[in-house]
Amino acid sequence: KQIIEIRTLIRDLGRNHTVILSTHIL
C-alpha cells in the first residue's frame, strides 16, 4: 500500500518537477 502511495506521489510531482528515479525495482 505504501509503495503504491509513493509511486502515485512521484507521478504527481512529475507535473511540476523534473524527476530522476533510481531503483532496482524494475
mmCIF file of all heavy atoms, coordinates in Angstrom:
data_MODEL
# 
_entry.id   MODEL 
# 
loop_
_atom_site.group_PDB 
_atom_site.id 
_atom_site.type_symbol 
_atom_site.label_atom_id 
_atom_site.label_alt_id 
_atom_site.label_comp_id 
_atom_site.label_asym_id 
_atom_site.label_entity_id 
_atom_site.label_seq_id 
_atom_site.pdbx_PDB_ins_code 
_atom_site.Cartn_x 
_atom_site.Cartn_y 
_atom_site.Cartn_z 
_atom_site.occupancy 
_atom_site.B_iso_or_equiv 
_atom_site.pdbx_formal_charge 
_atom_site.auth_seq_id 
_atom_site.auth_comp_id 
_atom_site.auth_asym_id 
_atom_site.auth_atom_id 
_atom_site.pdbx_PDB_model_num 
ATOM 1   N N   . LYS A 1 1  ? 0.832  -1.204 0.000   1.00 0.00 ? 1  LYS A N   1 
ATOM 2   C CA  . LYS A 1 1  ? 0.000  0.000  0.000   1.00 0.00 ? 1  LYS A CA  1 
ATOM 3   C C   . LYS A 1 1  ? 0.867  1.255  0.000   1.00 0.00 ? 1  LYS A C   1 
ATOM 4   O O   . LYS A 1 1  ? 0.597  2.211  -0.740  1.00 0.00 ? 1  LYS A O   1 
ATOM 5   C CB  . LYS A 1 1  ? -0.921 -0.001 1.230   1.00 0.00 ? 1  LYS A CB  1 
ATOM 6   C CG  . LYS A 1 1  ? -1.848 1.215  1.319   1.00 0.00 ? 1  LYS A CG  1 
ATOM 7   C CD  . LYS A 1 1  ? -2.800 1.064  2.502   1.00 0.00 ? 1  LYS A CD  1 
ATOM 8   C CE  . LYS A 1 1  ? -3.756 2.251  2.580   1.00 0.00 ? 1  LYS A CE  1 
ATOM 9   N NZ  . LYS A 1 1  ? -3.088 3.512  2.893   1.00 0.00 ? 1  LYS A NZ  1 
ATOM 10  N N   . GLN A 1 2  ? 1.920  1.255  0.820   1.00 0.00 ? 2  GLN A N   1 
ATOM 11  C CA  . GLN A 1 2  ? 2.822  2.403  0.878   1.00 0.00 ? 2  GLN A CA  1 
ATOM 12  C C   . GLN A 1 2  ? 3.556  2.601  -0.448  1.00 0.00 ? 2  GLN A C   1 
ATOM 13  O O   . GLN A 1 2  ? 3.771  3.737  -0.887  1.00 0.00 ? 2  GLN A O   1 
ATOM 14  C CB  . GLN A 1 2  ? 3.826  2.217  2.013   1.00 0.00 ? 2  GLN A CB  1 
ATOM 15  C CG  . GLN A 1 2  ? 3.203  2.263  3.394   1.00 0.00 ? 2  GLN A CG  1 
ATOM 16  C CD  . GLN A 1 2  ? 4.159  1.800  4.489   1.00 0.00 ? 2  GLN A CD  1 
ATOM 17  O OE1 . GLN A 1 2  ? 5.115  1.062  4.223   1.00 0.00 ? 2  GLN A OE1 1 
ATOM 18  N NE2 . GLN A 1 2  ? 3.903  2.219  5.714   1.00 0.00 ? 2  GLN A NE2 1 
ATOM 19  N N   . ILE A 1 3  ? 3.938  1.491  -1.096  1.00 0.00 ? 3  ILE A N   1 
ATOM 20  C CA  . ILE A 1 3  ? 4.622  1.573  -2.393  1.00 0.00 ? 3  ILE A CA  1 
ATOM 21  C C   . ILE A 1 3  ? 3.736  2.266  -3.417  1.00 0.00 ? 3  ILE A C   1 
ATOM 22  O O   . ILE A 1 3  ? 4.165  3.162  -4.153  1.00 0.00 ? 3  ILE A O   1 
ATOM 23  C CB  . ILE A 1 3  ? 5.024  0.168  -2.884  1.00 0.00 ? 3  ILE A CB  1 
ATOM 24  C CG1 . ILE A 1 3  ? 6.182  -0.367 -2.027  1.00 0.00 ? 3  ILE A CG1 1 
ATOM 25  C CG2 . ILE A 1 3  ? 5.437  0.199  -4.354  1.00 0.00 ? 3  ILE A CG2 1 
ATOM 26  C CD1 . ILE A 1 3  ? 6.544  -1.804 -2.325  1.00 0.00 ? 3  ILE A CD1 1 
ATOM 27  N N   . ILE A 1 4  ? 2.456  1.860  -3.483  1.00 0.00 ? 4  ILE A N   1 
ATOM 28  C CA  . ILE A 1 4  ? 1.524  2.470  -4.429  1.00 0.00 ? 4  ILE A CA  1 
ATOM 29  C C   . ILE A 1 4  ? 1.371  3.959  -4.139  1.00 0.00 ? 4  ILE A C   1 
ATOM 30  O O   . ILE A 1 4  ? 1.346  4.792  -5.056  1.00 0.00 ? 4  ILE A O   1 
ATOM 31  C CB  . ILE A 1 4  ? 0.156  1.760  -4.351  1.00 0.00 ? 4  ILE A CB  1 
ATOM 32  C CG1 . ILE A 1 4  ? 0.287  0.331  -4.891  1.00 0.00 ? 4  ILE A CG1 1 
ATOM 33  C CG2 . ILE A 1 4  ? -0.900 2.525  -5.147  1.00 0.00 ? 4  ILE A CG2 1 
ATOM 34  C CD1 . ILE A 1 4  ? -0.944 -0.525 -4.673  1.00 0.00 ? 4  ILE A CD1 1 
ATOM 35  N N   . GLU A 1 5  ? 1.304  4.315  -2.853  1.00 0.00 ? 5  GLU A N   1 
ATOM 36  C CA  . GLU A 1 5  ? 1.146  5.725  -2.479  1.00 0.00 ? 5  GLU A CA  1 
ATOM 37  C C   . GLU A 1 5  ? 2.354  6.552  -2.898  1.00 0.00 ? 5  GLU A C   1 
ATOM 38  O O   . GLU A 1 5  ? 2.209  7.664  -3.420  1.00 0.00 ? 5  GLU A O   1 
ATOM 39  C CB  . GLU A 1 5  ? 0.928  5.835  -0.968  1.00 0.00 ? 5  GLU A CB  1 
ATOM 40  C CG  . GLU A 1 5  ? -0.427 5.298  -0.509  1.00 0.00 ? 5  GLU A CG  1 
ATOM 41  C CD  . GLU A 1 5  ? -0.548 5.246  1.001   1.00 0.00 ? 5  GLU A CD  1 
ATOM 42  O OE1 . GLU A 1 5  ? 0.496  5.394  1.682   1.00 0.00 ? 5  GLU A OE1 1 
ATOM 43  O OE2 . GLU A 1 5  ? -1.673 5.068  1.510   1.00 0.00 ? 5  GLU A OE2 1 
ATOM 44  N N   . ILE A 1 6  ? 3.569  6.022  -2.679  1.00 0.00 ? 6  ILE A N   1 
ATOM 45  C CA  . ILE A 1 6  ? 4.781  6.765  -3.037  1.00 0.00 ? 6  ILE A CA  1 
ATOM 46  C C   . ILE A 1 6  ? 4.910  6.872  -4.553  1.00 0.00 ? 6  ILE A C   1 
ATOM 47  O O   . ILE A 1 6  ? 5.290  7.923  -5.091  1.00 0.00 ? 6  ILE A O   1 
ATOM 48  C CB  . ILE A 1 6  ? 6.036  6.092  -2.433  1.00 0.00 ? 6  ILE A CB  1 
ATOM 49  C CG1 . ILE A 1 6  ? 5.998  6.150  -0.897  1.00 0.00 ? 6  ILE A CG1 1 
ATOM 50  C CG2 . ILE A 1 6  ? 7.304  6.768  -2.948  1.00 0.00 ? 6  ILE A CG2 1 
ATOM 51  C CD1 . ILE A 1 6  ? 5.995  7.551  -0.327  1.00 0.00 ? 6  ILE A CD1 1 
ATOM 52  N N   . ARG A 1 7  ? 4.564  5.804  -5.275  1.00 0.00 ? 7  ARG A N   1 
ATOM 53  C CA  . ARG A 1 7  ? 4.607  5.861  -6.742  1.00 0.00 ? 7  ARG A CA  1 
ATOM 54  C C   . ARG A 1 7  ? 3.644  6.919  -7.268  1.00 0.00 ? 7  ARG A C   1 
ATOM 55  O O   . ARG A 1 7  ? 3.971  7.685  -8.187  1.00 0.00 ? 7  ARG A O   1 
ATOM 56  C CB  . ARG A 1 7  ? 4.247  4.499  -7.336  1.00 0.00 ? 7  ARG A CB  1 
ATOM 57  C CG  . ARG A 1 7  ? 5.318  3.441  -7.176  1.00 0.00 ? 7  ARG A CG  1 
ATOM 58  C CD  . ARG A 1 7  ? 4.835  2.126  -7.751  1.00 0.00 ? 7  ARG A CD  1 
ATOM 59  N NE  . ARG A 1 7  ? 5.827  1.072  -7.578  1.00 0.00 ? 7  ARG A NE  1 
ATOM 60  C CZ  . ARG A 1 7  ? 5.618  -0.205 -7.893  1.00 0.00 ? 7  ARG A CZ  1 
ATOM 61  N NH1 . ARG A 1 7  ? 4.451  -0.577 -8.389  1.00 0.00 ? 7  ARG A NH1 1 
ATOM 62  N NH2 . ARG A 1 7  ? 6.562  -1.100 -7.704  1.00 0.00 ? 7  ARG A NH2 1 
ATOM 63  N N   . THR A 1 8  ? 2.452  6.964  -6.693  1.00 0.00 ? 8  THR A N   1 
ATOM 64  C CA  . THR A 1 8  ? 1.469  7.972  -7.104  1.00 0.00 ? 8  THR A CA  1 
ATOM 65  C C   . THR A 1 8  ? 1.990  9.371  -6.821  1.00 0.00 ? 8  THR A C   1 
ATOM 66  O O   . THR A 1 8  ? 1.842  10.288 -7.650  1.00 0.00 ? 8  THR A O   1 
ATOM 67  C CB  . THR A 1 8  ? 0.136  7.746  -6.365  1.00 0.00 ? 8  THR A CB  1 
ATOM 68  O OG1 . THR A 1 8  ? -0.358 6.443  -6.669  1.00 0.00 ? 8  THR A OG1 1 
ATOM 69  C CG2 . THR A 1 8  ? -0.898 8.778  -6.787  1.00 0.00 ? 8  THR A CG2 1 
ATOM 70  N N   . LEU A 1 9  ? 2.625  9.538  -5.663  1.00 0.00 ? 9  LEU A N   1 
ATOM 71  C CA  . LEU A 1 9  ? 3.192  10.834 -5.296  1.00 0.00 ? 9  LEU A CA  1 
ATOM 72  C C   . LEU A 1 9  ? 4.278  11.255 -6.282  1.00 0.00 ? 9  LEU A C   1 
ATOM 73  O O   . LEU A 1 9  ? 4.329  12.423 -6.722  1.00 0.00 ? 9  LEU A O   1 
ATOM 74  C CB  . LEU A 1 9  ? 3.763  10.770 -3.878  1.00 0.00 ? 9  LEU A CB  1 
ATOM 75  C CG  . LEU A 1 9  ? 4.504  12.014 -3.369  1.00 0.00 ? 9  LEU A CG  1 
ATOM 76  C CD1 . LEU A 1 9  ? 3.615  13.246 -3.452  1.00 0.00 ? 9  LEU A CD1 1 
ATOM 77  C CD2 . LEU A 1 9  ? 4.989  11.790 -1.933  1.00 0.00 ? 9  LEU A CD2 1 
ATOM 78  N N   . ILE A 1 10 ? 5.136  10.320 -6.682  1.00 0.00 ? 10 ILE A N   1 
ATOM 79  C CA  . ILE A 1 10 ? 6.207  10.644 -7.637  1.00 0.00 ? 10 ILE A CA  1 
ATOM 80  C C   . ILE A 1 10 ? 5.616  11.058 -8.977  1.00 0.00 ? 10 ILE A C   1 
ATOM 81  O O   . ILE A 1 10 ? 6.076  12.014 -9.603  1.00 0.00 ? 10 ILE A O   1 
ATOM 82  C CB  . ILE A 1 10 ? 7.159  9.436  -7.796  1.00 0.00 ? 10 ILE A CB  1 
ATOM 83  C CG1 . ILE A 1 10 ? 7.944  9.203  -6.490  1.00 0.00 ? 10 ILE A CG1 1 
ATOM 84  C CG2 . ILE A 1 10 ? 8.132  9.665  -8.955  1.00 0.00 ? 10 ILE A CG2 1 
ATOM 85  C CD1 . ILE A 1 10 ? 8.752  7.931  -6.483  1.00 0.00 ? 10 ILE A CD1 1 
ATOM 86  N N   . ARG A 1 11 ? 4.580  10.339 -9.427  1.00 0.00 ? 11 ARG A N   1 
ATOM 87  C CA  . ARG A 1 11 ? 3.931  10.718 -10.686 1.00 0.00 ? 11 ARG A CA  1 
ATOM 88  C C   . ARG A 1 11 ? 3.330  12.123 -10.595 1.00 0.00 ? 11 ARG A C   1 
ATOM 89  O O   . ARG A 1 11 ? 3.424  12.920 -11.528 1.00 0.00 ? 11 ARG A O   1 
ATOM 90  C CB  . ARG A 1 11 ? 2.847  9.701  -11.055 1.00 0.00 ? 11 ARG A CB  1 
ATOM 91  C CG  . ARG A 1 11 ? 3.377  8.424  -11.682 1.00 0.00 ? 11 ARG A CG  1 
ATOM 92  C CD  . ARG A 1 11 ? 2.268  7.660  -12.380 1.00 0.00 ? 11 ARG A CD  1 
ATOM 93  N NE  . ARG A 1 11 ? 1.237  7.239  -11.440 1.00 0.00 ? 11 ARG A NE  1 
ATOM 94  C CZ  . ARG A 1 11 ? 1.231  6.071  -10.801 1.00 0.00 ? 11 ARG A CZ  1 
ATOM 95  N NH1 . ARG A 1 11 ? 2.217  5.214  -11.003 1.00 0.00 ? 11 ARG A NH1 1 
ATOM 96  N NH2 . ARG A 1 11 ? 0.270  5.764  -9.972  1.00 0.00 ? 11 ARG A NH2 1 
ATOM 97  N N   . ASP A 1 12 ? 2.720  12.421 -9.443  1.00 0.00 ? 12 ASP A N   1 
ATOM 98  C CA  . ASP A 1 12 ? 2.134  13.752 -9.256  1.00 0.00 ? 12 ASP A CA  1 
ATOM 99  C C   . ASP A 1 12 ? 3.212  14.836 -9.265  1.00 0.00 ? 12 ASP A C   1 
ATOM 100 O O   . ASP A 1 12 ? 3.016  15.922 -9.825  1.00 0.00 ? 12 ASP A O   1 
ATOM 101 C CB  . ASP A 1 12 ? 1.359  13.800 -7.933  1.00 0.00 ? 12 ASP A CB  1 
ATOM 102 C CG  . ASP A 1 12 ? 0.086  12.969 -7.969  1.00 0.00 ? 12 ASP A CG  1 
ATOM 103 O OD1 . ASP A 1 12 ? -0.370 12.631 -9.091  1.00 0.00 ? 12 ASP A OD1 1 
ATOM 104 O OD2 . ASP A 1 12 ? -0.439 12.640 -6.890  1.00 0.00 ? 12 ASP A OD2 1 
ATOM 105 N N   . LEU A 1 13 ? 4.359  14.542 -8.654  1.00 0.00 ? 13 LEU A N   1 
ATOM 106 C CA  . LEU A 1 13 ? 5.451  15.516 -8.625  1.00 0.00 ? 13 LEU A CA  1 
ATOM 107 C C   . LEU A 1 13 ? 5.978  15.798 -10.029 1.00 0.00 ? 13 LEU A C   1 
ATOM 108 O O   . LEU A 1 13 ? 6.478  16.890 -10.312 1.00 0.00 ? 13 LEU A O   1 
ATOM 109 C CB  . LEU A 1 13 ? 6.590  15.005 -7.735  1.00 0.00 ? 13 LEU A CB  1 
ATOM 110 C CG  . LEU A 1 13 ? 6.320  14.972 -6.224  1.00 0.00 ? 13 LEU A CG  1 
ATOM 111 C CD1 . LEU A 1 13 ? 7.484  14.312 -5.493  1.00 0.00 ? 13 LEU A CD1 1 
ATOM 112 C CD2 . LEU A 1 13 ? 6.093  16.377 -5.687  1.00 0.00 ? 13 LEU A CD2 1 
ATOM 113 N N   . GLY A 1 14 ? 5.869  14.799 -10.908 1.00 0.00 ? 14 GLY A N   1 
ATOM 114 C CA  . GLY A 1 14 ? 6.346  14.964 -12.277 1.00 0.00 ? 14 GLY A CA  1 
ATOM 115 C C   . GLY A 1 14 ? 5.591  16.021 -13.064 1.00 0.00 ? 14 GLY A C   1 
ATOM 116 O O   . GLY A 1 14 ? 6.046  16.464 -14.125 1.00 0.00 ? 14 GLY A O   1 
ATOM 117 N N   . ARG A 1 15 ? 4.440  16.467 -12.559 1.00 0.00 ? 15 ARG A N   1 
ATOM 118 C CA  . ARG A 1 15 ? 3.687  17.512 -13.254 1.00 0.00 ? 15 ARG A CA  1 
ATOM 119 C C   . ARG A 1 15 ? 4.371  18.866 -13.131 1.00 0.00 ? 15 ARG A C   1 
ATOM 120 O O   . ARG A 1 15 ? 4.226  19.721 -14.016 1.00 0.00 ? 15 ARG A O   1 
ATOM 121 C CB  . ARG A 1 15 ? 2.274  17.601 -12.677 1.00 0.00 ? 15 ARG A CB  1 
ATOM 122 C CG  . ARG A 1 15 ? 1.443  16.332 -12.847 1.00 0.00 ? 15 ARG A CG  1 
ATOM 123 C CD  . ARG A 1 15 ? 0.144  16.425 -12.080 1.00 0.00 ? 15 ARG A CD  1 
ATOM 124 N NE  . ARG A 1 15 ? -0.613 15.172 -12.123 1.00 0.00 ? 15 ARG A NE  1 
ATOM 125 C CZ  . ARG A 1 15 ? -1.660 14.909 -11.357 1.00 0.00 ? 15 ARG A CZ  1 
ATOM 126 N NH1 . ARG A 1 15 ? -2.094 15.829 -10.503 1.00 0.00 ? 15 ARG A NH1 1 
ATOM 127 N NH2 . ARG A 1 15 ? -2.288 13.755 -11.456 1.00 0.00 ? 15 ARG A NH2 1 
ATOM 128 N N   . ASN A 1 16 ? 5.088  19.069 -12.026 1.00 0.00 ? 16 ASN A N   1 
ATOM 129 C CA  . ASN A 1 16 ? 5.704  20.374 -11.777 1.00 0.00 ? 16 ASN A CA  1 
ATOM 130 C C   . ASN A 1 16 ? 7.211  20.313 -11.576 1.00 0.00 ? 16 ASN A C   1 
ATOM 131 O O   . ASN A 1 16 ? 7.836  21.345 -11.330 1.00 0.00 ? 16 ASN A O   1 
ATOM 132 C CB  . ASN A 1 16 ? 5.068  21.010 -10.529 1.00 0.00 ? 16 ASN A CB  1 
ATOM 133 C CG  . ASN A 1 16 ? 3.569  21.227 -10.687 1.00 0.00 ? 16 ASN A CG  1 
ATOM 134 O OD1 . ASN A 1 16 ? 3.131  21.868 -11.622 1.00 0.00 ? 16 ASN A OD1 1 
ATOM 135 N ND2 . ASN A 1 16 ? 2.793  20.660 -9.769  1.00 0.00 ? 16 ASN A ND2 1 
ATOM 136 N N   . HIS A 1 17 ? 7.788  19.128 -11.636 1.00 0.00 ? 17 HIS A N   1 
ATOM 137 C CA  . HIS A 1 17 ? 9.221  18.961 -11.408 1.00 0.00 ? 17 HIS A CA  1 
ATOM 138 C C   . HIS A 1 17 ? 9.790  17.995 -12.442 1.00 0.00 ? 17 HIS A C   1 
ATOM 139 O O   . HIS A 1 17 ? 9.080  17.152 -12.987 1.00 0.00 ? 17 HIS A O   1 
ATOM 140 C CB  . HIS A 1 17 ? 9.507  18.404 -10.007 1.00 0.00 ? 17 HIS A CB  1 
ATOM 141 C CG  . HIS A 1 17 ? 8.974  19.242 -8.893  1.00 0.00 ? 17 HIS A CG  1 
ATOM 142 N ND1 . HIS A 1 17 ? 9.701  20.227 -8.272  1.00 0.00 ? 17 HIS A ND1 1 
ATOM 143 C CD2 . HIS A 1 17 ? 7.771  19.235 -8.266  1.00 0.00 ? 17 HIS A CD2 1 
ATOM 144 C CE1 . HIS A 1 17 ? 8.982  20.797 -7.325  1.00 0.00 ? 17 HIS A CE1 1 
ATOM 145 N NE2 . HIS A 1 17 ? 7.796  20.204 -7.299  1.00 0.00 ? 17 HIS A NE2 1 
ATOM 146 N N   . THR A 1 18 ? 11.085 18.122 -12.671 1.00 0.00 ? 18 THR A N   1 
ATOM 147 C CA  . THR A 1 18 ? 11.822 17.091 -13.400 1.00 0.00 ? 18 THR A CA  1 
ATOM 148 C C   . THR A 1 18 ? 12.292 16.071 -12.368 1.00 0.00 ? 18 THR A C   1 
ATOM 149 O O   . THR A 1 18 ? 12.883 16.444 -11.357 1.00 0.00 ? 18 THR A O   1 
ATOM 150 C CB  . THR A 1 18 ? 13.030 17.702 -14.136 1.00 0.00 ? 18 THR A CB  1 
ATOM 151 O OG1 . THR A 1 18 ? 12.542 18.649 -15.090 1.00 0.00 ? 18 THR A OG1 1 
ATOM 152 C CG2 . THR A 1 18 ? 13.832 16.636 -14.851 1.00 0.00 ? 18 THR A CG2 1 
ATOM 153 N N   . VAL A 1 19 ? 12.032 14.781 -12.610 1.00 0.00 ? 19 VAL A N   1 
ATOM 154 C CA  . VAL A 1 19 ? 12.295 13.752 -11.603 1.00 0.00 ? 19 VAL A CA  1 
ATOM 155 C C   . VAL A 1 19 ? 13.245 12.696 -12.156 1.00 0.00 ? 19 VAL A C   1 
ATOM 156 O O   . VAL A 1 19 ? 13.062 12.213 -13.277 1.00 0.00 ? 19 VAL A O   1 
ATOM 157 C CB  . VAL A 1 19 ? 10.985 13.079 -11.147 1.00 0.00 ? 19 VAL A CB  1 
ATOM 158 C CG1 . VAL A 1 19 ? 11.282 11.979 -10.121 1.00 0.00 ? 19 VAL A CG1 1 
ATOM 159 C CG2 . VAL A 1 19 ? 10.025 14.103 -10.558 1.00 0.00 ? 19 VAL A CG2 1 
ATOM 160 N N   . ILE A 1 20 ? 14.256 12.351 -11.358 1.00 0.00 ? 20 ILE A N   1 
ATOM 161 C CA  . ILE A 1 20 ? 15.123 11.203 -11.652 1.00 0.00 ? 20 ILE A CA  1 
ATOM 162 C C   . ILE A 1 20 ? 14.888 10.168 -10.569 1.00 0.00 ? 20 ILE A C   1 
ATOM 163 O O   . ILE A 1 20 ? 15.017 10.459 -9.374  1.00 0.00 ? 20 ILE A O   1 
ATOM 164 C CB  . ILE A 1 20 ? 16.599 11.599 -11.709 1.00 0.00 ? 20 ILE A CB  1 
ATOM 165 C CG1 . ILE A 1 20 ? 16.858 12.543 -12.886 1.00 0.00 ? 20 ILE A CG1 1 
ATOM 166 C CG2 . ILE A 1 20 ? 17.489 10.357 -11.838 1.00 0.00 ? 20 ILE A CG2 1 
ATOM 167 C CD1 . ILE A 1 20 ? 18.298 12.985 -13.019 1.00 0.00 ? 20 ILE A CD1 1 
ATOM 168 N N   . LEU A 1 21 ? 14.542 8.972  -10.971 1.00 0.00 ? 21 LEU A N   1 
ATOM 169 C CA  . LEU A 1 21 ? 14.244 7.884  -10.047 1.00 0.00 ? 21 LEU A CA  1 
ATOM 170 C C   . LEU A 1 21 ? 15.259 6.769  -10.232 1.00 0.00 ? 21 LEU A C   1 
ATOM 171 O O   . LEU A 1 21 ? 15.347 6.170  -11.304 1.00 0.00 ? 21 LEU A O   1 
ATOM 172 C CB  . LEU A 1 21 ? 12.828 7.350  -10.299 1.00 0.00 ? 21 LEU A CB  1 
ATOM 173 C CG  . LEU A 1 21 ? 12.413 6.087  -9.541  1.00 0.00 ? 21 LEU A CG  1 
ATOM 174 C CD1 . LEU A 1 21 ? 12.407 6.341  -8.035  1.00 0.00 ? 21 LEU A CD1 1 
ATOM 175 C CD2 . LEU A 1 21 ? 11.048 5.604  -10.007 1.00 0.00 ? 21 LEU A CD2 1 
ATOM 176 N N   . SER A 1 22 ? 16.036 6.506  -9.187  1.00 0.00 ? 22 SER A N   1 
ATOM 177 C CA  . SER A 1 22 ? 16.981 5.403  -9.205  1.00 0.00 ? 22 SER A CA  1 
ATOM 178 C C   . SER A 1 22 ? 16.427 4.276  -8.345  1.00 0.00 ? 22 SER A C   1 
ATOM 179 O O   . SER A 1 22 ? 16.117 4.484  -7.167  1.00 0.00 ? 22 SER A O   1 
ATOM 180 C CB  . SER A 1 22 ? 18.342 5.862  -8.661  1.00 0.00 ? 22 SER A CB  1 
ATOM 181 O OG  . SER A 1 22 ? 19.232 4.770  -8.565  1.00 0.00 ? 22 SER A OG  1 
ATOM 182 N N   . THR A 1 23 ? 16.265 3.105  -8.924  1.00 0.00 ? 23 THR A N   1 
ATOM 183 C CA  . THR A 1 23 ? 15.687 1.984  -8.189  1.00 0.00 ? 23 THR A CA  1 
ATOM 184 C C   . THR A 1 23 ? 16.115 0.670  -8.812  1.00 0.00 ? 23 THR A C   1 
ATOM 185 O O   . THR A 1 23 ? 16.486 0.608  -9.981  1.00 0.00 ? 23 THR A O   1 
ATOM 186 C CB  . THR A 1 23 ? 14.153 2.080  -8.173  1.00 0.00 ? 23 THR A CB  1 
ATOM 187 O OG1 . THR A 1 23 ? 13.607 0.959  -7.470  1.00 0.00 ? 23 THR A OG1 1 
ATOM 188 C CG2 . THR A 1 23 ? 13.587 2.102  -9.578  1.00 0.00 ? 23 THR A CG2 1 
ATOM 189 N N   . HIS A 1 24 ? 16.064 -0.401 -8.013  1.00 0.00 ? 24 HIS A N   1 
ATOM 190 C CA  . HIS A 1 24 ? 16.300 -1.746 -8.530  1.00 0.00 ? 24 HIS A CA  1 
ATOM 191 C C   . HIS A 1 24 ? 14.977 -2.474 -8.796  1.00 0.00 ? 24 HIS A C   1 
ATOM 192 O O   . HIS A 1 24 ? 14.975 -3.603 -9.267  1.00 0.00 ? 24 HIS A O   1 
ATOM 193 C CB  . HIS A 1 24 ? 17.123 -2.567 -7.527  1.00 0.00 ? 24 HIS A CB  1 
ATOM 194 C CG  . HIS A 1 24 ? 18.565 -2.183 -7.491  1.00 0.00 ? 24 HIS A CG  1 
ATOM 195 N ND1 . HIS A 1 24 ? 19.077 -1.282 -6.586  1.00 0.00 ? 24 HIS A ND1 1 
ATOM 196 C CD2 . HIS A 1 24 ? 19.604 -2.559 -8.257  1.00 0.00 ? 24 HIS A CD2 1 
ATOM 197 C CE1 . HIS A 1 24 ? 20.376 -1.135 -6.790  1.00 0.00 ? 24 HIS A CE1 1 
ATOM 198 N NE2 . HIS A 1 24 ? 20.719 -1.904 -7.808  1.00 0.00 ? 24 HIS A NE2 1 
ATOM 199 N N   . ILE A 1 25 ? 13.854 -1.823 -8.486  1.00 0.00 ? 25 ILE A N   1 
ATOM 200 C CA  . ILE A 1 25 ? 12.550 -2.442 -8.678  1.00 0.00 ? 25 ILE A CA  1 
ATOM 201 C C   . ILE A 1 25 ? 12.062 -2.089 -10.083 1.00 0.00 ? 25 ILE A C   1 
ATOM 202 O O   . ILE A 1 25 ? 11.514 -1.016 -10.326 1.00 0.00 ? 25 ILE A O   1 
ATOM 203 C CB  . ILE A 1 25 ? 11.554 -1.957 -7.605  1.00 0.00 ? 25 ILE A CB  1 
ATOM 204 C CG1 . ILE A 1 25 ? 12.111 -2.228 -6.205  1.00 0.00 ? 25 ILE A CG1 1 
ATOM 205 C CG2 . ILE A 1 25 ? 10.209 -2.664 -7.779  1.00 0.00 ? 25 ILE A CG2 1 
ATOM 206 C CD1 . ILE A 1 25 ? 11.278 -1.637 -5.089  1.00 0.00 ? 25 ILE A CD1 1 
ATOM 207 N N   . LEU A 1 26 ? 12.275 -2.991 -11.026 1.00 0.00 ? 26 LEU A N   1 
ATOM 208 C CA  . LEU A 1 26 ? 12.028 -2.684 -12.428 1.00 0.00 ? 26 LEU A CA  1 
ATOM 209 C C   . LEU A 1 26 ? 10.561 -2.403 -12.746 1.00 0.00 ? 26 LEU A C   1 
ATOM 210 O O   . LEU A 1 26 ? 10.271 -1.487 -13.523 1.00 0.00 ? 26 LEU A O   1 
ATOM 211 C CB  . LEU A 1 26 ? 12.575 -3.804 -13.310 1.00 0.00 ? 26 LEU A CB  1 
ATOM 212 C CG  . LEU A 1 26 ? 14.081 -4.074 -13.154 1.00 0.00 ? 26 LEU A CG  1 
ATOM 213 C CD1 . LEU A 1 26 ? 14.538 -5.115 -14.169 1.00 0.00 ? 26 LEU A CD1 1 
ATOM 214 C CD2 . LEU A 1 26 ? 14.897 -2.796 -13.331 1.00 0.00 ? 26 LEU A CD2 1 
# 
